[in-house]
PDB file of N, CA and C in Angstrom:
ATOM      1  N   MET A   1      33.053  46.771  20.589  1.00  0.00           N
ATOM      2  CA  MET A   1      32.548  46.213  19.370  1.00  0.00           C
ATOM      3  C   MET A   1      33.072  44.797  19.148  1.00  0.00           C
ATOM      4  N   GLU A   2      34.328  44.595  19.464  1.00  0.00           N
ATOM      5  CA  GLU A   2      34.947  43.298  19.253  1.00  0.00           C
ATOM      6  C   GLU A   2      34.364  42.239  20.199  1.00  0.00           C
ATOM      7  N   ILE A   3      33.941  42.664  21.354  1.00  0.00           N
ATOM      8  CA  ILE A   3      33.349  41.724  22.323  1.00  0.00           C
ATOM      9  C   ILE A   3      32.030  41.181  21.781  1.00  0.00           C
ATOM     10  N   LYS A   4      31.243  42.042  21.173  1.00  0.00           N
ATOM     11  CA  LYS A   4      29.964  41.611  20.602  1.00  0.00           C
ATOM     12  C   LYS A   4      30.182  40.602  19.477  1.00  0.00           C
ATOM     13  N   GLU A   5      31.174  40.848  18.638  1.00  0.00           N
ATOM     14  CA  GLU A   5      31.459  39.935  17.529  1.00  0.00           C
ATOM     15  C   GLU A   5      31.885  38.561  18.055  1.00  0.00           C
ATOM     16  N   THR A   6      32.682  38.530  19.091  1.00  0.00           N
ATOM     17  CA  THR A   6      33.128  37.244  19.627  1.00  0.00           C
ATOM     18  C   THR A   6      31.995  36.518  20.330  1.00  0.00           C
ATOM     19  N   LEU A   7      31.006  37.233  20.819  1.00  0.00           N
ATOM     20  CA  LEU A   7      29.845  36.582  21.445  1.00  0.00           C
ATOM     21  C   LEU A   7      28.904  35.991  20.397  1.00  0.00           C
ATOM     22  N   PHE A   8      28.767  36.689  19.292  1.00  0.00           N
ATOM     23  CA  PHE A   8      27.823  36.246  18.267  1.00  0.00           C
ATOM     24  C   PHE A   8      28.374  35.150  17.357  1.00  0.00           C
ATOM     25  N   GLU A   9      29.675  35.108  17.175  1.00  0.00           N
ATOM     26  CA  GLU A   9      30.260  34.098  16.284  1.00  0.00           C
ATOM     27  C   GLU A   9      29.950  32.674  16.716  1.00  0.00           C
ATOM     28  N   PRO A  10      30.180  32.288  17.976  1.00  0.00           N
ATOM     29  CA  PRO A  10      29.830  30.917  18.373  1.00  0.00           C
ATOM     30  C   PRO A  10      28.334  30.643  18.272  1.00  0.00           C
ATOM     31  N   LEU A  11      27.550  31.682  18.572  1.00  0.00           N
ATOM     32  CA  LEU A  11      26.101  31.527  18.483  1.00  0.00           C
ATOM     33  C   LEU A  11      25.664  31.269  17.044  1.00  0.00           C
ATOM     34  N   LEU A  12      26.245  32.010  16.096  1.00  0.00           N
ATOM     35  CA  LEU A  12      25.917  31.811  14.689  1.00  0.00           C
ATOM     36  C   LEU A  12      26.400  30.448  14.198  1.00  0.00           C
ATOM     37  N   GLU A  13      27.566  30.019  14.647  1.00  0.00           N
ATOM     38  CA  GLU A  13      28.070  28.703  14.250  1.00  0.00           C
ATOM     39  C   GLU A  13      27.165  27.592  14.765  1.00  0.00           C
ATOM     40  N   LYS A  14      26.714  27.733  16.006  1.00  0.00           N
ATOM     41  CA  LYS A  14      25.820  26.716  16.576  1.00  0.00           C
ATOM     42  C   LYS A  14      24.465  26.716  15.873  1.00  0.00           C
ATOM     43  N   ALA A  15      23.974  27.892  15.517  1.00  0.00           N
ATOM     44  CA  ALA A  15      22.694  27.970  14.799  1.00  0.00           C
ATOM     45  C   ALA A  15      22.820  27.334  13.422  1.00  0.00           C
ATOM     46  N   GLU A  16      23.947  27.572  12.763  1.00  0.00           N
ATOM     47  CA  GLU A  16      24.177  26.958  11.454  1.00  0.00           C
ATOM     48  C   GLU A  16      24.277  25.437  11.576  1.00  0.00           C
ATOM     49  N   GLN A  17      24.987  24.979  12.580  1.00  0.00           N
ATOM     50  CA  GLN A  17      25.123  23.528  12.795  1.00  0.00           C
ATOM     51  C   GLN A  17      23.769  22.911  13.127  1.00  0.00           C
ATOM     52  N   TYR A  18      22.972  23.617  13.930  1.00  0.00           N
ATOM     53  CA  TYR A  18      21.630  23.133  14.262  1.00  0.00           C
ATOM     54  C   TYR A  18      20.759  23.020  13.014  1.00  0.00           C
ATOM     55  N   GLY A  19      20.830  24.004  12.144  1.00  0.00           N
ATOM     56  CA  GLY A  19      20.063  23.977  10.899  1.00  0.00           C
ATOM     57  C   GLY A  19      20.475  22.813  10.014  1.00  0.00           C
ATOM     58  N   LYS A  20      21.768  22.586   9.879  1.00  0.00           N
ATOM     59  CA  LYS A  20      22.251  21.464   9.062  1.00  0.00           C
ATOM     60  C   LYS A  20      21.825  20.136   9.657  1.00  0.00           C
ATOM     61  N   THR A  21      21.907  20.017  10.976  1.00  0.00           N
ATOM     62  CA  THR A  21      21.510  18.782  11.644  1.00  0.00           C
ATOM     63  C   THR A  21      20.008  18.538  11.485  1.00  0.00           C
ATOM     64  N   SER A  22      19.217  19.599  11.589  1.00  0.00           N
ATOM     65  CA  SER A  22      17.762  19.460  11.428  1.00  0.00           C
ATOM     66  C   SER A  22      17.406  18.998  10.018  1.00  0.00           C
ATOM     67  N   ILE A  23      18.072  19.556   9.028  1.00  0.00           N
ATOM     68  CA  ILE A  23      17.818  19.159   7.641  1.00  0.00           C
ATOM     69  C   ILE A  23      18.218  17.703   7.432  1.00  0.00           C
ATOM     70  N   GLU A  24      19.359  17.298   7.977  1.00  0.00           N
ATOM     71  CA  GLU A  24      19.808  15.905   7.845  1.00  0.00           C
ATOM     72  C   GLU A  24      18.829  14.955   8.527  1.00  0.00           C
ATOM     73  N   LEU A  25      18.323  15.342   9.698  1.00  0.00           N
ATOM     74  CA  LEU A  25      17.341  14.509  10.407  1.00  0.00           C
ATOM     75  C   LEU A  25      16.053  14.390   9.598  1.00  0.00           C
ATOM     76  N   LEU A  26      15.619  15.466   8.991  1.00  0.00           N
ATOM     77  CA  LEU A  26      14.417  15.437   8.156  1.00  0.00           C
ATOM     78  C   LEU A  26      14.615  14.515   6.955  1.00  0.00           C
ATOM     79  N   LYS A  27      15.791  14.565   6.343  1.00  0.00           N
ATOM     80  CA  LYS A  27      16.090  13.674   5.219  1.00  0.00           C
ATOM     81  C   LYS A  27      16.029  12.213   5.656  1.00  0.00           C
ATOM     82  N   LEU A  28      16.646  11.913   6.793  1.00  0.00           N
ATOM     83  CA  LEU A  28      16.674  10.531   7.276  1.00  0.00           C
ATOM     84  C   LEU A  28      15.278  10.033   7.637  1.00  0.00           C
ATOM     85  N   LYS A  29      14.463  10.905   8.238  1.00  0.00           N
ATOM     86  CA  LYS A  29      13.090  10.507   8.570  1.00  0.00           C
ATOM     87  C   LYS A  29      12.286  10.236   7.305  1.00  0.00           C
ATOM     88  N   SER A  30      12.453  11.086   6.268  1.00  0.00           N
ATOM     89  CA  SER A  30      11.702  10.851   5.031  1.00  0.00           C
ATOM     90  C   SER A  30      12.155   9.584   4.334  1.00  0.00           C
ATOM     91  N   ILE A  31      13.444   9.293   4.368  1.00  0.00           N
ATOM     92  CA  ILE A  31      13.933   8.047   3.769  1.00  0.00           C
ATOM     93  C   ILE A  31      13.363   6.851   4.512  1.00  0.00           C
ATOM     94  N   ASP A  32      13.301   6.936   5.837  1.00  0.00           N
ATOM     95  CA  ASP A  32      12.745   5.841   6.635  1.00  0.00           C
ATOM     96  C   ASP A  32      11.277   5.607   6.300  1.00  0.00           C
ATOM     97  N   LYS A  33      10.495   6.684   6.214  1.00  0.00           N
ATOM     98  CA  LYS A  33       9.071   6.543   5.896  1.00  0.00           C
ATOM     99  C   LYS A  33       8.866   6.000   4.481  1.00  0.00           C
ATOM    100  N   ALA A  34       9.639   6.507   3.541  1.00  0.00           N
ATOM    101  CA  ALA A  34       9.516   6.030   2.164  1.00  0.00           C
ATOM    102  C   ALA A  34       9.863   4.549   2.070  1.00  0.00           C
ATOM    103  N   ALA A  35      10.908   4.125   2.776  1.00  0.00           N
ATOM    104  CA  ALA A  35      11.285   2.712   2.766  1.00  0.00           C
ATOM    105  C   ALA A  35      10.215   1.859   3.418  1.00  0.00           C
ATOM    106  N   ASP A  36       9.624   2.360   4.498  1.00  0.00           N
ATOM    107  CA  ASP A  36       8.577   1.608   5.193  1.00  0.00           C
ATOM    108  C   ASP A  36       7.347   1.434   4.308  1.00  0.00           C
ATOM    109  N   VAL A  37       6.907   2.515   3.680  1.00  0.00           N
ATOM    110  CA  VAL A  37       5.726   2.443   2.811  1.00  0.00           C
ATOM    111  C   VAL A  37       6.009   1.556   1.597  1.00  0.00           C
ATOM    112  N   THR A  38       7.181   1.698   1.002  1.00  0.00           N
ATOM    113  CA  THR A  38       7.533   0.889  -0.166  1.00  0.00           C
ATOM    114  C   THR A  38       7.592  -0.591   0.178  1.00  0.00           C
ATOM    115  N   SER A  39       8.191  -0.924   1.305  1.00  0.00           N
ATOM    116  CA  SER A  39       8.288  -2.340   1.673  1.00  0.00           C
ATOM    117  C   SER A  39       6.917  -2.916   1.990  1.00  0.00           C
ATOM    118  N   THR A  40       6.066  -2.140   2.639  1.00  0.00           N
ATOM    119  CA  THR A  40       4.710  -2.613   2.936  1.00  0.00           C
ATOM    120  C   THR A  40       3.931  -2.847   1.646  1.00  0.00           C
ATOM    121  N   LEU A  41       3.979  -1.881   0.742  1.00  0.00           N
ATOM    122  CA  LEU A  41       3.242  -2.032  -0.520  1.00  0.00           C
ATOM    123  C   LEU A  41       3.791  -3.183  -1.359  1.00  0.00           C
ATOM    124  N   THR A  42       5.107  -3.369  -1.355  1.00  0.00           N
ATOM    125  CA  THR A  42       5.711  -4.457  -2.117  1.00  0.00           C
ATOM    126  C   THR A  42       5.292  -5.811  -1.568  1.00  0.00           C
ATOM    127  N   SER A  43       5.328  -5.957  -0.248  1.00  0.00           N
ATOM    128  CA  SER A  43       4.948  -7.243   0.330  1.00  0.00           C
ATOM    129  C   SER A  43       3.470  -7.532   0.112  1.00  0.00           C
ATOM    130  N   ARG A  44       2.646  -6.511   0.200  1.00  0.00           N
ATOM    131  CA  ARG A  44       1.206  -6.728  -0.041  1.00  0.00           C
ATOM    132  C   ARG A  44       0.928  -7.017  -1.517  1.00  0.00           C
ATOM    133  N   LEU A  45       1.676  -6.388  -2.400  1.00  0.00           N
ATOM    134  CA  LEU A  45       1.523  -6.670  -3.822  1.00  0.00           C
ATOM    135  C   LEU A  45       1.898  -8.116  -4.125  1.00  0.00           C
ATOM    136  N   LEU A  46       2.962  -8.578  -3.521  1.00  0.00           N
ATOM    137  CA  LEU A  46       3.372  -9.974  -3.693  1.00  0.00           C
ATOM    138  C   LEU A  46       2.295 -10.923  -3.171  1.00  0.00           C
ATOM    139  N   LEU A  47       1.703 -10.581  -2.030  1.00  0.00           N
ATOM    140  CA  LEU A  47       0.617 -11.390  -1.479  1.00  0.00           C
ATOM    141  C   LEU A  47      -0.583 -11.413  -2.419  1.00  0.00           C
ATOM    142  N   VAL A  48      -0.905 -10.282  -3.005  1.00  0.00           N
ATOM    143  CA  VAL A  48      -2.030 -10.208  -3.944  1.00  0.00           C
ATOM    144  C   VAL A  48      -1.753 -11.054  -5.183  1.00  0.00           C
ATOM    145  N   ILE A  49      -0.525 -11.021  -5.682  1.00  0.00           N
ATOM    146  CA  ILE A  49      -0.177 -11.814  -6.862  1.00  0.00           C
ATOM    147  C   ILE A  49      -0.307 -13.308  -6.574  1.00  0.00           C
ATOM    148  N   VAL A  50       0.222 -13.746  -5.435  1.00  0.00           N
ATOM    149  CA  VAL A  50       0.144 -15.168  -5.080  1.00  0.00           C
ATOM    150  C   VAL A  50      -1.310 -15.582  -4.877  1.00  0.00           C
ATOM    151  N   PHE A  51      -2.083 -14.756  -4.174  1.00  0.00           N
ATOM    152  CA  PHE A  51      -3.491 -15.081  -3.972  1.00  0.00           C
ATOM    153  C   PHE A  51      -4.251 -15.094  -5.295  1.00  0.00           C
ATOM    154  N   SER A  52      -3.914 -14.195  -6.211  1.00  0.00           N
ATOM    155  CA  SER A  52      -4.582 -14.165  -7.519  1.00  0.00           C
ATOM    156  C   SER A  52      -4.305 -15.429  -8.317  1.00  0.00           C
ATOM    157  N   LEU A  53      -3.074 -15.905  -8.274  1.00  0.00           N
ATOM    158  CA  LEU A  53      -2.757 -17.162  -8.965  1.00  0.00           C
ATOM    159  C   LEU A  53      -3.522 -18.339  -8.349  1.00  0.00           C
ATOM    160  N   PHE A  54      -3.606 -18.353  -7.020  1.00  0.00           N
ATOM    161  CA  PHE A  54      -4.380 -19.390  -6.342  1.00  0.00           C
ATOM    162  C   PHE A  54      -5.851 -19.311  -6.748  1.00  0.00           C
ATOM    163  N   ALA A  55      -6.392 -18.097  -6.745  1.00  0.00           N
ATOM    164  CA  ALA A  55      -7.799 -17.909  -7.104  1.00  0.00           C
ATOM    165  C   ALA A  55      -8.048 -18.300  -8.559  1.00  0.00           C
ATOM    166  N   LEU A  56      -7.136 -17.981  -9.443  1.00  0.00           N
ATOM    167  CA  LEU A  56      -7.299 -18.321 -10.854  1.00  0.00           C
ATOM    168  C   LEU A  56      -7.347 -19.831 -11.060  1.00  0.00           C
ATOM    169  N   THR A  57      -6.387 -20.527 -10.490  1.00  0.00           N
ATOM    170  CA  THR A  57      -6.378 -21.985 -10.677  1.00  0.00           C
ATOM    171  C   THR A  57      -7.562 -22.635  -9.978  1.00  0.00           C
ATOM    172  N   SER A  58      -7.949 -22.124  -8.815  1.00  0.00           N
ATOM    173  CA  SER A  58      -9.125 -22.665  -8.121  1.00  0.00           C
ATOM    174  C   SER A  58     -10.395 -22.418  -8.914  1.00  0.00           C
ATOM    175  N   THR A  59     -10.488 -21.253  -9.532  1.00  0.00           N
ATOM    176  CA  THR A  59     -11.661 -20.929 -10.342  1.00  0.00           C
ATOM    177  C   THR A  59     -11.776 -21.860 -11.545  1.00  0.00           C
ATOM    178  N   ILE A  60     -10.664 -22.107 -12.193  1.00  0.00           N
ATOM    179  CA  ILE A  60     -10.688 -23.027 -13.347  1.00  0.00           C
ATOM    180  C   ILE A  60     -11.100 -24.423 -12.906  1.00  0.00           C
ATOM    181  N   ALA A  61     -10.531 -24.880 -11.789  1.00  0.00           N
ATOM    182  CA  ALA A  61     -10.880 -26.210 -11.284  1.00  0.00           C
ATOM    183  C   ALA A  61     -12.355 -26.276 -10.897  1.00  0.00           C
ATOM    184  N   LEU A  62     -12.861 -25.258 -10.215  1.00  0.00           N
ATOM    185  CA  LEU A  62     -14.272 -25.226  -9.825  1.00  0.00           C
ATOM    186  C   LEU A  62     -15.175 -25.188 -11.049  1.00  0.00           C
ATOM    187  N   SER A  63     -14.803 -24.413 -12.052  1.00  0.00           N
ATOM    188  CA  SER A  63     -15.602 -24.328 -13.274  1.00  0.00           C
ATOM    189  C   SER A  63     -15.672 -25.682 -13.978  1.00  0.00           C
ATOM    190  N   LEU A  64     -14.546 -26.345 -14.072  1.00  0.00           N
ATOM    191  CA  LEU A  64     -14.540 -27.664 -14.719  1.00  0.00           C
ATOM    192  C   LEU A  64     -15.348 -28.675 -13.915  1.00  0.00           C
ATOM    193  N   TRP A  65     -15.238 -28.636 -12.597  1.00  0.00           N
ATOM    194  CA  TRP A  65     -15.985 -29.560 -11.744  1.00  0.00           C
ATOM    195  C   TRP A  65     -17.483 -29.307 -11.845  1.00  0.00           C
ATOM    196  N   LEU A  66     -17.889 -28.011 -11.790  1.00  0.00           N
ATOM    197  CA  LEU A  66     -19.318 -27.688 -11.926  1.00  0.00           C
ATOM    198  C   LEU A  66     -19.824 -28.062 -13.316  1.00  0.00           C
ATOM    199  N   GLY A  67     -18.992 -27.860 -14.327  1.00  0.00           N
ATOM    200  CA  GLY A  67     -19.378 -28.245 -15.680  1.00  0.00           C
ATOM    201  C   GLY A  67     -19.588 -29.745 -15.781  1.00  0.00           C
ATOM    202  N   ASP A  68     -18.765 -30.520 -15.104  1.00  0.00           N
ATOM    203  CA  ASP A  68     -18.935 -31.975 -15.062  1.00  0.00           C
ATOM    204  C   ASP A  68     -20.260 -32.346 -14.411  1.00  0.00           C
ATOM    205  N   LEU A  69     -20.580 -31.666 -13.302  1.00  0.00           N
ATOM    206  CA  LEU A  69     -21.829 -31.951 -12.593  1.00  0.00           C
ATOM    207  C   LEU A  69     -23.053 -31.543 -13.411  1.00  0.00           C
ATOM    208  N   LEU A  70     -22.945 -30.436 -14.141  1.00  0.00           N
ATOM    209  CA  LEU A  70     -24.094 -29.919 -14.891  1.00  0.00           C
ATOM    210  C   LEU A  70     -24.209 -30.516 -16.296  1.00  0.00           C
ATOM    211  N   GLY A  71     -23.220 -31.262 -16.716  1.00  0.00           N
ATOM    212  CA  GLY A  71     -23.318 -31.946 -17.997  1.00  0.00           C
ATOM    213  C   GLY A  71     -22.530 -31.296 -19.124  1.00  0.00           C
ATOM    214  N   LYS A  72     -22.285 -30.020 -19.069  1.00  0.00           N
ATOM    215  CA  LYS A  72     -21.523 -29.316 -20.112  1.00  0.00           C
ATOM    216  C   LYS A  72     -20.506 -28.405 -19.420  1.00  0.00           C
ATOM    217  N   ASN A  73     -19.293 -28.404 -19.962  1.00  0.00           N
ATOM    218  CA  ASN A  73     -18.234 -27.614 -19.322  1.00  0.00           C
ATOM    219  C   ASN A  73     -18.555 -26.128 -19.261  1.00  0.00           C
ATOM    220  N   TYR A  74     -19.158 -25.604 -20.293  1.00  0.00           N
ATOM    221  CA  TYR A  74     -19.405 -24.163 -20.306  1.00  0.00           C
ATOM    222  C   TYR A  74     -20.451 -23.756 -19.266  1.00  0.00           C
ATOM    223  N   TYR A  75     -21.307 -24.664 -18.826  1.00  0.00           N
ATOM    224  CA  TYR A  75     -22.240 -24.339 -17.745  1.00  0.00           C
ATOM    225  C   TYR A  75     -21.478 -23.999 -16.459  1.00  0.00           C
ATOM    226  N   GLY A  76     -20.458 -24.761 -16.179  1.00  0.00           N
ATOM    227  CA  GLY A  76     -19.647 -24.483 -14.996  1.00  0.00           C
ATOM    228  C   GLY A  76     -18.987 -23.116 -15.069  1.00  0.00           C
ATOM    229  N   PHE A  77     -18.464 -22.788 -16.254  1.00  0.00           N
ATOM    230  CA  PHE A  77     -17.840 -21.481 -16.416  1.00  0.00           C
ATOM    231  C   PHE A  77     -18.862 -20.353 -16.313  1.00  0.00           C
ATOM    232  N   LEU A  78     -20.080 -20.584 -16.809  1.00  0.00           N
ATOM    233  CA  LEU A  78     -21.134 -19.572 -16.693  1.00  0.00           C
ATOM    234  C   LEU A  78     -21.521 -19.340 -15.236  1.00  0.00           C
ATOM    235  N   VAL A  79     -21.622 -20.410 -14.452  1.00  0.00           N
ATOM    236  CA  VAL A  79     -21.977 -20.264 -13.036  1.00  0.00           C
ATOM    237  C   VAL A  79     -20.892 -19.480 -12.292  1.00  0.00           C
ATOM    238  N   VAL A  80     -19.642 -19.813 -12.536  1.00  0.00           N
ATOM    239  CA  VAL A  80     -18.546 -19.106 -11.868  1.00  0.00           C
ATOM    240  C   VAL A  80     -18.479 -17.657 -12.338  1.00  0.00           C
ATOM    241  N   ALA A  81     -18.716 -17.407 -13.616  1.00  0.00           N
ATOM    242  CA  ALA A  81     -18.722 -16.033 -14.134  1.00  0.00           C
ATOM    243  C   ALA A  81     -19.855 -15.223 -13.488  1.00  0.00           C
ATOM    244  N   ALA A  82     -21.009 -15.849 -13.301  1.00  0.00           N
ATOM    245  CA  ALA A  82     -22.131 -15.162 -12.642  1.00  0.00           C
ATOM    246  C   ALA A  82     -21.756 -14.804 -11.198  1.00  0.00           C
ATOM    247  N   PHE A  83     -21.073 -15.718 -10.512  1.00  0.00           N
ATOM    248  CA  PHE A  83     -20.621 -15.425  -9.147  1.00  0.00           C
ATOM    249  C   PHE A  83     -19.680 -14.228  -9.139  1.00  0.00           C
ATOM    250  N   TYR A  84     -18.715 -14.203 -10.066  1.00  0.00           N
ATOM    251  CA  TYR A  84     -17.778 -13.084 -10.122  1.00  0.00           C
ATOM    252  C   TYR A  84     -18.487 -11.788 -10.524  1.00  0.00           C
ATOM    253  N   GLY A  85     -19.497 -11.880 -11.354  1.00  0.00           N
ATOM    254  CA  GLY A  85     -20.279 -10.696 -11.701  1.00  0.00           C
ATOM    255  C   GLY A  85     -20.997 -10.130 -10.484  1.00  0.00           C
ATOM    256  N   LEU A  86     -21.568 -11.016  -9.680  1.00  0.00           N
ATOM    257  CA  LEU A  86     -22.239 -10.591  -8.451  1.00  0.00           C
ATOM    258  C   LEU A  86     -21.232  -9.971  -7.474  1.00  0.00           C
ATOM    259  N   ALA A  87     -20.067 -10.592  -7.370  1.00  0.00           N
ATOM    260  CA  ALA A  87     -19.023 -10.052  -6.495  1.00  0.00           C
ATOM    261  C   ALA A  87     -18.576  -8.668  -6.972  1.00  0.00           C
ATOM    262  N   ALA A  88     -18.504  -8.464  -8.291  1.00  0.00           N
ATOM    263  CA  ALA A  88     -18.108  -7.160  -8.842  1.00  0.00           C
ATOM    264  C   ALA A  88     -19.139  -6.088  -8.507  1.00  0.00           C
ATOM    265  N   VAL A  89     -20.415  -6.446  -8.560  1.00  0.00           N
ATOM    266  CA  VAL A  89     -21.473  -5.485  -8.220  1.00  0.00           C
ATOM    267  C   VAL A  89     -21.368  -5.101  -6.748  1.00  0.00           C
ATOM    268  N   VAL A  90     -21.144  -6.081  -5.889  1.00  0.00           N
ATOM    269  CA  VAL A  90     -21.011  -5.794  -4.457  1.00  0.00           C
ATOM    270  C   VAL A  90     -19.795  -4.898  -4.210  1.00  0.00           C
ATOM    271  N   LEU A  91     -18.666  -5.218  -4.845  1.00  0.00           N
ATOM    272  CA  LEU A  91     -17.461  -4.395  -4.681  1.00  0.00           C
ATOM    273  C   LEU A  91     -17.663  -2.979  -5.213  1.00  0.00           C
ATOM    274  N   PHE A  92     -18.451  -2.843  -6.260  1.00  0.00           N
ATOM    275  CA  PHE A  92     -18.739  -1.521  -6.809  1.00  0.00           C
ATOM    276  C   PHE A  92     -19.427  -0.646  -5.771  1.00  0.00           C
ATOM    277  N   TYR A  93     -20.350  -1.250  -5.014  1.00  0.00           N
ATOM    278  CA  TYR A  93     -21.092  -0.464  -4.031  1.00  0.00           C
ATOM    279  C   TYR A  93     -20.311  -0.214  -2.743  1.00  0.00           C
ATOM    280  N   ILE A  94     -19.374  -1.080  -2.399  1.00  0.00           N
ATOM    281  CA  ILE A  94     -18.590  -0.832  -1.181  1.00  0.00           C
ATOM    282  C   ILE A  94     -17.230  -0.203  -1.484  1.00  0.00           C
ATOM    283  N   HIS A  95     -17.013   0.175  -2.735  1.00  0.00           N
ATOM    284  CA  HIS A  95     -15.742   0.791  -3.142  1.00  0.00           C
ATOM    285  C   HIS A  95     -15.362   2.002  -2.295  1.00  0.00           C
ATOM    286  N   PRO A  96     -16.287   2.929  -1.999  1.00  0.00           N
ATOM    287  CA  PRO A  96     -15.886   4.086  -1.173  1.00  0.00           C
ATOM    288  C   PRO A  96     -15.345   3.677   0.203  1.00  0.00           C
ATOM    289  N   LEU A  97     -15.919   2.651   0.802  1.00  0.00           N
ATOM    290  CA  LEU A  97     -15.430   2.197   2.106  1.00  0.00           C
ATOM    291  C   LEU A  97     -14.014   1.644   2.003  1.00  0.00           C
ATOM    292  N   ILE A  98     -13.764   0.865   0.964  1.00  0.00           N
ATOM    293  CA  ILE A  98     -12.436   0.290   0.768  1.00  0.00           C
ATOM    294  C   ILE A  98     -11.423   1.394   0.510  1.00  0.00           C
ATOM    295  N   LYS A  99     -11.792   2.354  -0.331  1.00  0.00           N
ATOM    296  CA  LYS A  99     -10.890   3.451  -0.667  1.00  0.00           C
ATOM    297  C   LYS A  99     -10.531   4.258   0.575  1.00  0.00           C
ATOM    298  N   THR A 100     -11.508   4.532   1.419  1.00  0.00           N
ATOM    299  CA  THR A 100     -11.268   5.295   2.638  1.00  0.00           C
ATOM    300  C   THR A 100     -10.321   4.551   3.572  1.00  0.00           C
ATOM    301  N   ARG A 101     -10.524   3.252   3.729  1.00  0.00           N
ATOM    302  CA  ARG A 101      -9.662   2.474   4.621  1.00  0.00           C
ATOM    303  C   ARG A 101      -8.223   2.427   4.106  1.00  0.00           C
ATOM    304  N   VAL A 102      -8.053   2.265   2.796  1.00  0.00           N
ATOM    305  CA  VAL A 102      -6.702   2.229   2.228  1.00  0.00           C
ATOM    306  C   VAL A 102      -6.031   3.593   2.375  1.00  0.00           C
ATOM    307  N   ASN A 103      -6.761   4.662   2.101  1.00  0.00           N
ATOM    308  CA  ASN A 103      -6.202   6.012   2.268  1.00  0.00           C
ATOM    309  C   ASN A 103      -5.773   6.243   3.714  1.00  0.00           C
ATOM    310  N   ASN A 104      -6.620   5.867   4.652  1.00  0.00           N
ATOM    311  CA  ASN A 104      -6.294   6.051   6.064  1.00  0.00           C
ATOM    312  C   ASN A 104      -5.069   5.234   6.465  1.00  0.00           C
ATOM    313  N   MET A 105      -4.954   4.023   5.928  1.00  0.00           N
ATOM    314  CA  MET A 105      -3.810   3.174   6.255  1.00  0.00           C
ATOM    315  C   MET A 105      -2.511   3.824   5.758  1.00  0.00           C
ATOM    316  N   ILE A 106      -2.529   4.331   4.533  1.00  0.00           N
ATOM    317  CA  ILE A 106      -1.324   4.952   3.968  1.00  0.00           C
ATOM    318  C   ILE A 106      -0.966   6.219   4.731  1.00  0.00           C
ATOM    319  N   ILE A 107      -1.949   7.035   5.058  1.00  0.00           N
ATOM    320  CA  ILE A 107      -1.680   8.269   5.793  1.00  0.00           C
ATOM    321  C   ILE A 107      -1.155   7.963   7.192  1.00  0.00           C
ATOM    322  N   THR A 108      -1.737   6.961   7.844  1.00  0.00           N
ATOM    323  CA  THR A 108      -1.269   6.578   9.177  1.00  0.00           C
ATOM    324  C   THR A 108       0.178   6.108   9.119  1.00  0.00           C
ATOM    325  N   GLN A 109       0.502   5.332   8.112  1.00  0.00           N
ATOM    326  CA  GLN A 109       1.882   4.851   7.996  1.00  0.00           C
ATOM    327  C   GLN A 109       2.853   5.982   7.723  1.00  0.00           C
ATOM    328  N   LEU A 110       2.441   6.944   6.933  1.00  0.00           N
ATOM    329  CA  LEU A 110       3.328   8.064   6.620  1.00  0.00           C
ATOM    330  C   LEU A 110       3.535   8.995   7.808  1.00  0.00           C
ATOM    331  N   LEU A 111       2.506   9.139   8.645  1.00  0.00           N
ATOM    332  CA  LEU A 111       2.601  10.094   9.749  1.00  0.00           C
ATOM    333  C   LEU A 111       3.173   9.497  11.030  1.00  0.00           C
ATOM    334  N   ASN A 112       3.212   8.196  11.138  1.00  0.00           N
ATOM    335  CA  ASN A 112       3.761   7.575  12.365  1.00  0.00           C
ATOM    336  C   ASN A 112       5.233   7.322  12.253  1.00  0.00           C
TER     337      ASN A 112
END
């Protein structure tokens, strides 16, 4: 009986150590993935903010320039607003494609 106990004790200790190591590895992998996704989203958000500021100032400048050409400032703003309205309609119709690509990108990043 004592021989069986001495055979199983090291085996149980190794199984316990393996379980703890596996859990620690899983924790480290999840932290790595979370950090990767967070850093990617943060950098892209920063890029979107900078591009939005550029687009805003460019839009104002274009509106004022078109208003100068058309004779009244508000004409320029109306033309630019019409362009953005058209762009919004186009984005509305291609929204499912954009959503699918973003979902796939996030899932790919999480699983790799």
